[in-house]
Amino acid sequence: MTTSEQTQAGEPTRRDFIHISSIAATAVGGAAVVWPLVHQMNPDASVLALSTKEVDLSAVEVGQAIKVFWQGKPVFIRRRTPAEIQEAEATPLSALIDEDARSANVGGADASDAARTTSADGEAKPEWLVLVGVCTHLGCIPLGTTQGENKGDYGGWFCPCHGSHYDTSGRIRKGPAPENLAIPPYQFISDSVVRIG
């Protein structure tokens, strides 16, 4: 059988082998070039080391809020008053711009106050509100309670950059922000210590 007869019979030729080999070598070479570029986008070891943060809340009084940093982001922890809790619980979902809880602890839940104050272990502590303090409009840091004076129209947080108002549960109520302030994964490891992350 000649080479032309083999090609007509559908058997591979040397040229087919060379084409397949060159494509395979190009694919392996391309992967070898792309891998370091993709790998360098992974978090740095120092960021991974800060993946959790424990915060002692024993000094936080009712009506007071503190700001801590977790993974380079500000986290607001607020010990709410009974009036703030009652107001947040009484707000109907229909009055909210964003009806999603945006909570890493209860994925897919509605934006009820109970869903936003539930920790990763399923424990609800309405007195404590833990949320990421980054405005969902353009990433600014909203202003909160200072010296007993609430910011914004709903007693929660106010982003002065473009006028987003959040209520005492961190839900967007007025302004251009499209989503509620995010709730990070957290759980209480004692009555006065919370672990974020």
Protein backbone atom coordinates (compact mmCIF):
# COMPACT_ATOMS: atom_id res chain seq x y z
CA MET A 1 0.00 0.00 0.00
CA THR A 2 1.26 3.43 -0.86
CA THR A 3 0.96 6.52 1.33
CA SER A 4 -1.91 7.90 -0.74
CA GLU A 5 -3.77 4.61 -0.38
CA GLN A 6 -3.32 4.74 3.44
CA THR A 7 -4.70 8.30 3.57
CA GLN A 8 -7.73 7.25 1.58
CA ALA A 9 -8.31 4.32 3.92
CA GLY A 10 -8.53 6.78 6.89
CA GLU A 11 -5.34 5.73 8.67
CA PRO A 12 -3.19 8.45 10.26
CA THR A 13 -0.11 9.70 8.45
CA ARG A 14 3.13 11.18 9.72
CA ARG A 15 1.78 14.63 8.94
CA ASP A 16 -1.26 14.00 11.19
CA PHE A 17 1.09 12.90 13.99
CA ILE A 18 3.19 16.06 13.62
CA HIS A 19 0.07 18.28 13.73
CA ILE A 20 -1.28 16.56 16.85
CA SER A 21 2.12 16.69 18.56
CA SER A 22 2.58 20.40 17.83
CA ILE A 23 -0.92 21.24 19.13
CA ALA A 24 -0.29 19.25 22.31
CA ALA A 25 3.09 20.94 22.86
CA THR A 26 1.49 24.38 22.31
CA ALA A 27 -1.26 23.59 24.84
CA VAL A 28 1.26 22.44 27.47
CA GLY A 29 3.45 25.49 26.83
CA GLY A 30 0.45 27.82 27.06
CA ALA A 31 -0.63 26.27 30.37
CA ALA A 32 2.93 26.62 31.70
CA VAL A 33 2.85 30.35 30.85
CA VAL A 34 -0.67 31.01 32.20
CA TRP A 35 -0.32 29.06 35.49
CA PRO A 36 2.01 31.54 37.25
CA LEU A 37 -0.20 34.44 36.19
CA VAL A 38 -3.30 32.78 37.66
CA HIS A 39 -1.47 31.56 40.77
CA GLN A 40 -0.22 35.05 41.63
CA MET A 41 -3.87 36.15 42.06
CA ASN A 42 -4.33 33.82 45.05
CA PRO A 43 -4.36 35.46 48.48
CA ASP A 44 -1.02 36.11 50.12
CA ALA A 45 -0.06 34.04 53.18
CA SER A 46 -0.43 37.11 55.39
CA VAL A 47 -4.03 37.54 54.24
CA LEU A 48 -4.82 33.90 54.89
CA ALA A 49 -3.33 34.25 58.37
CA LEU A 50 -5.82 37.02 59.05
CA SER A 51 -8.78 34.96 57.88
CA THR A 52 -10.26 34.93 61.38
CA LYS A 53 -10.33 37.56 64.09
CA GLU A 54 -11.48 37.26 67.68
CA VAL A 55 -12.95 40.36 69.28
CA ASP A 56 -13.61 40.85 73.01
CA LEU A 57 -16.94 42.64 73.39
CA SER A 58 -16.99 42.88 77.20
CA ALA A 59 -16.29 46.65 77.16
CA VAL A 60 -19.00 47.48 74.58
CA GLU A 61 -22.02 49.03 76.28
CA VAL A 62 -25.63 48.98 75.08
CA GLY A 63 -26.06 51.54 72.29
CA GLN A 64 -22.35 51.59 71.49
CA ALA A 65 -20.58 50.43 68.30
CA ILE A 66 -16.97 49.55 67.58
CA LYS A 67 -15.02 49.15 64.36
CA VAL A 68 -12.46 46.39 63.83
CA PHE A 69 -10.62 45.27 60.72
CA TRP A 70 -10.96 41.78 59.26
CA GLN A 71 -9.19 40.82 56.02
CA GLY A 72 -8.48 44.50 55.40
CA LYS A 73 -12.16 45.48 55.61
CA PRO A 74 -13.83 47.48 58.37
CA VAL A 75 -16.36 45.49 60.40
CA PHE A 76 -18.91 47.31 62.54
CA ILE A 77 -20.05 45.56 65.72
CA ARG A 78 -22.99 47.26 67.37
CA ARG A 79 -24.66 46.42 70.66
CA ARG A 80 -28.15 47.57 69.92
CA THR A 81 -30.63 49.04 72.34
CA PRO A 82 -34.04 47.39 72.84
CA ALA A 83 -35.62 50.28 70.92
CA GLU A 84 -33.25 49.73 67.95
CA ILE A 85 -34.03 46.01 67.94
CA GLN A 86 -37.77 46.63 68.11
CA GLU A 87 -37.61 49.16 65.27
CA ALA A 88 -35.55 46.80 63.08
CA GLU A 89 -37.89 43.86 63.75
CA ALA A 90 -40.99 45.96 63.03
CA THR A 91 -39.79 47.08 59.59
CA PRO A 92 -41.77 45.20 56.91
CA LEU A 93 -39.79 43.59 54.08
CA SER A 94 -41.88 45.56 51.58
CA ALA A 95 -40.29 48.80 52.92
CA LEU A 96 -36.80 47.59 52.00
CA ILE A 97 -34.87 48.30 48.79
CA ASP A 98 -33.01 44.98 49.07
CA GLU A 99 -34.97 42.05 50.50
CA ASP A 100 -31.95 39.69 50.66
CA ALA A 101 -30.21 39.21 54.02
CA ARG A 102 -26.74 39.34 52.38
CA SER A 103 -25.52 37.16 55.22
CA ALA A 104 -22.71 34.63 54.94
CA ASN A 105 -24.35 32.78 57.85
CA VAL A 106 -27.83 32.20 56.41
CA GLY A 107 -27.49 32.20 52.63
CA GLY A 108 -30.58 33.05 50.61
CA ALA A 109 -32.63 34.26 53.58
CA ASP A 110 -34.84 37.33 53.48
CA ALA A 111 -33.62 40.59 55.00
CA SER A 112 -35.51 40.19 58.26
CA ASP A 113 -33.69 41.41 61.33
CA ALA A 114 -33.61 37.85 62.70
CA ALA A 115 -31.74 36.59 59.61
CA ARG A 116 -29.22 39.44 59.84
CA THR A 117 -28.41 38.76 63.52
CA THR A 118 -27.98 34.98 63.22
CA SER A 119 -24.44 33.69 63.59
CA ALA A 120 -22.78 30.87 61.63
CA ASP A 121 -23.76 28.30 64.27
CA GLY A 122 -27.44 29.29 63.92
CA GLU A 123 -27.61 31.23 67.18
CA ALA A 124 -29.61 34.47 67.02
CA LYS A 125 -28.44 37.32 69.25
CA PRO A 126 -30.56 40.35 68.32
CA GLU A 127 -28.56 42.56 70.70
CA TRP A 128 -25.43 42.20 68.53
CA LEU A 129 -25.15 43.28 64.92
CA VAL A 130 -21.95 42.37 63.07
CA LEU A 131 -21.58 43.71 59.53
CA VAL A 132 -18.98 44.68 56.94
CA GLY A 133 -18.72 48.47 56.97
CA VAL A 134 -18.38 49.02 53.23
CA CYS A 135 -21.12 50.90 51.37
CA THR A 136 -22.52 48.77 48.56
CA HIS A 137 -22.70 51.73 46.19
CA LEU A 138 -19.05 52.68 45.62
CA GLY A 139 -17.20 51.06 48.53
CA CYS A 140 -17.06 54.04 50.93
CA ILE A 141 -17.13 53.57 54.71
CA PRO A 142 -20.47 54.76 56.14
CA LEU A 143 -20.67 56.86 59.29
CA GLY A 144 -22.33 55.28 62.30
CA THR A 145 -23.27 56.18 65.84
CA THR A 146 -20.89 58.61 67.53
CA GLN A 147 -21.36 59.82 71.09
CA GLY A 148 -24.99 58.76 71.17
CA GLU A 149 -25.84 60.56 67.93
CA ASN A 150 -27.15 58.42 65.08
CA LYS A 151 -26.25 59.17 61.49
CA GLY A 152 -28.77 58.98 58.69
CA ASP A 153 -32.54 59.02 58.56
CA TYR A 154 -33.03 55.52 59.99
CA GLY A 155 -30.76 55.56 63.05
CA GLY A 156 -28.15 53.27 61.53
CA TRP A 157 -25.41 54.32 59.14
CA PHE A 158 -25.07 57.08 56.58
CA CYS A 159 -22.70 57.23 53.61
CA PRO A 160 -22.10 60.95 52.97
CA CYS A 161 -20.46 60.40 49.57
CA HIS A 162 -23.75 59.84 47.74
CA GLY A 163 -26.38 59.81 50.49
CA SER A 164 -27.10 56.15 51.22
CA HIS A 165 -29.02 55.61 54.47
CA TYR A 166 -28.94 52.28 56.35
CA ASP A 167 -31.20 51.30 59.25
CA THR A 168 -30.29 49.77 62.63
CA SER A 169 -30.02 46.39 60.96
CA GLY A 170 -27.64 47.61 58.22
CA ARG A 171 -30.29 47.41 55.50
CA ILE A 172 -30.35 50.01 52.73
CA ARG A 173 -33.42 52.21 53.10
CA LYS A 174 -32.70 55.30 51.00
CA GLY A 175 -30.11 56.39 48.44
CA PRO A 176 -28.22 54.87 45.51
CA ALA A 177 -26.74 51.81 47.26
CA PRO A 178 -28.28 48.68 45.70
CA GLU A 179 -27.69 46.18 48.52
CA ASN A 180 -27.74 45.83 52.29
CA LEU A 181 -24.44 45.94 54.17
CA ALA A 182 -22.96 42.42 54.11
CA ILE A 183 -22.91 40.18 57.18
CA PRO A 184 -19.58 38.32 57.49
CA PRO A 185 -19.31 34.76 58.78
CA TYR A 186 -19.09 34.97 62.57
CA GLN A 187 -19.95 33.10 65.74
CA PHE A 188 -19.81 33.75 69.45
CA ILE A 189 -17.24 31.55 71.14
CA SER A 190 -18.27 32.87 74.57
CA ASP A 191 -20.75 35.41 75.91
CA SER A 192 -18.31 38.24 75.30
CA VAL A 193 -16.03 37.05 72.44
CA VAL A 194 -16.98 36.86 68.77
CA ARG A 195 -14.90 35.16 66.09
CA ILE A 196 -15.20 36.73 62.65
CA GLY A 197 -14.30 34.55 59.70
